[in-house]
Amino acid sequence: MTVRYLESIATNTSLAGIKLLFRSFEAFCFYCDELCQIVPIGFVLGFYIDTIIGRWWSQYRTLPWPDEIAMLLCAVVNDDNGDVSNHCRGKQQIQKILKYLNLAFAICFREFSATARKRFPAMQSILAEGLITKEELKEYESSGPNNKSPHIIQLTSWAIDIIHNLEATGYIRNSHAVELLIQQILNYRGGIGLLTCFDWISVPLVYTQLATISVYTYLFASVFALQNLEEPARSEFRTNTVVFNVLFYLCWLKVNPSISI
């Protein structure tokens, strides 16, 4: 078979091969330029960031606060008889209810918070801080069914039992207040349970993989798409704007490891 460009190769200089390679490189750069314009990197990354921020905001709004329960207890637990011992007993019962709620909060956060795990590495450290007594710890650990780990619902049950006891002994004389207190405790326990579910069910891995692959593919294509080629339509201003795009996309991509639990 006759090679038509054999004579041209024989009479050309050693730079002819480099010129041919540059033509392929130039075509690849134009292809990367079109790829950067076609791939909806802003849409993909925006959907990903919206999912992460929405999840983080939901976790923040789910955080249970015992303040409402504490103020409600101080408002409805009364000691009109003026007996100092009764006043002290009512105050002790309020402190006991709040102690159980704070204990449930601490045990829950030990499961997914590194800071809480470092602060309370074991139940003995919680015992040392005075959040639970030895008798209560023994009863709590034995409450798990079939030798399984106990659940924080046991602690909220203790708090509800104290409220019923306060109603039976006359410290709380309004049945509506009892119902409101129990509902507040149930909401508190629901917030703790929802935080635990957030820890169990994380963001789908396909979202993170898709966003990461899309961003790094865009960055790789931008390296070739912004080469200084002999193209009259090429604008230097466009090169500068892509630098800002790279910075924005990389910063957005770092949102997930920064705020996810």
Foldseek 3Di string as FASTA:
>chain_A
DDDPCPVVVVPDDPCPVVVVVVVVLLVLLVVLLVVLVPDPLVVLLVVLLVVQVVLLVVLVVLQADCPVLLVLLVVQQDDVVPDPVSVVVSVVLSVLLVLLLVVLVLVLCCVPPPVSCVCDVDVVSVCVVVSDDPVRVVVQCVPDPPNDGGHSVVSLVVSLVSLVVSCVVVRGVDVVSSVVSNVSSVSSVVSSVVSSVCVVDDDDPVSLVVSVVSLVSSVVSLVSNPDDDPDVVDDPVVVVVVVVVNVVSVVSSCPNVVRRD
